[in-house]
């Protein structure tokens, strides 16, 4: 088992660079939530998109996740802050074309496809650089605190941005509402500029012949890390099961359970509150019950929280129960998520931070389209409740993986490895 950190972690807020990074992430996430509402309204209300076109918009937006491995290799080679700045400006440039085209009367659904593809590409680059930059901005004892703050900011930004987006769509129209996200990316870039250089980029040398070579090295590294490998496998399996359920979750609530749009919004709001609480309390929970148990409980609660949905009938009482179940699920999911991300960042060799996260993004996000197709195929032979039950049952598997892994024995964060001390394929061997 890796040696454990025994010193009391200081607050990440003591780091000036972290405060700017947190401000940047919060600003851009809030703006992205605004544009998610605005672009959907624009496609449906202004451009009269068909159901097929709406589905294709969602697919195009997710398509750049297929390039996450390249983004991870790129982030490990070059200056991460510049990549973040470039992705913010690229996203702002893509978005500003929407209101310009709308004012000129030439906006088309084809342009929205292009904009969403560019936004997705910028997000993939941004995520690979931002998540791998964090361990260089704050020291290892502060990673849990930093990820907790980022998780809380994400919960608040998503809720606030969605509400602001709805208000702006009603006030100035969906095309003009997009300008709020443009402004958020510009503000994010200004804050990123204040983040001090954290570590020198790794320039390609004689043994780093190409990005493909780096990608292969990164995949081999992750496969060789017992703890990191197992956590990512658990994440991918959980993501697959949840994506099967999410394909029909909203439809089931709104139709079979007769949940009104207002009640649906309340259920989502209560769930968001649970997520925020989980992010804020994650460090305390991990300190109280241990790092490994916090991660495992989060995975174990997920399938259990689906039982009320599978048993529910129409009625206000069941709607209250579903709200509480979602809040509990998201509380533990966020507490577990910030803890497992901190664990992976702590264990990962600094040279592989971007590629490690890219592998995680590829197998988790990459499983969702396949899960949606699986849900559609299952629905041809099963009814919707049975499909939901299949998705819930699959969510049991990640907990079994983690219980049989080194994660179970972890009570505190391990001492991070150093490139000189830990060969790439030997973490956890001693």
Foldseek 3Di string as FASTA:
>chain_A
DFAFDDDQFDALVVFPLLVLLLLLLLLLLLLVLLLVLLVVCCVCPPQVHDPVLVVVLVVLLLVLLLCLLLLLLVLLFAQLLVLLLVLLLQLLVLLVVQLVCVVVVNDHSVSSSVSSNSNSNSVSNNVLSSLLCVCLRDPLSHLLNSLLSSQLSNLVSNVNSNVQSVVCCVPPNSSVSSVSSSVSSVSSSVSSVPNDRRDGHHHDDPQRDDSVSSSVLLVLLCVLAQLLVLLLVLLLLLLLLVLLCVLCVVVCCVPQQVQDPVLVVVLVVLLSVLLSLLSNCLVVVLLVFHLLVLLLVLLVLQLVLCVLVLVDHHDPVSSVSNSVSSSPNNSSVNSNVSSVSSQCSQADESSNSSSSVSVSSCSNSVSNVVSSVVSVVVVVPDPSSVSNNSSSVSSNVSSVSSVPGPSNVGSRRGHYDYCVGAPSNCHPVD
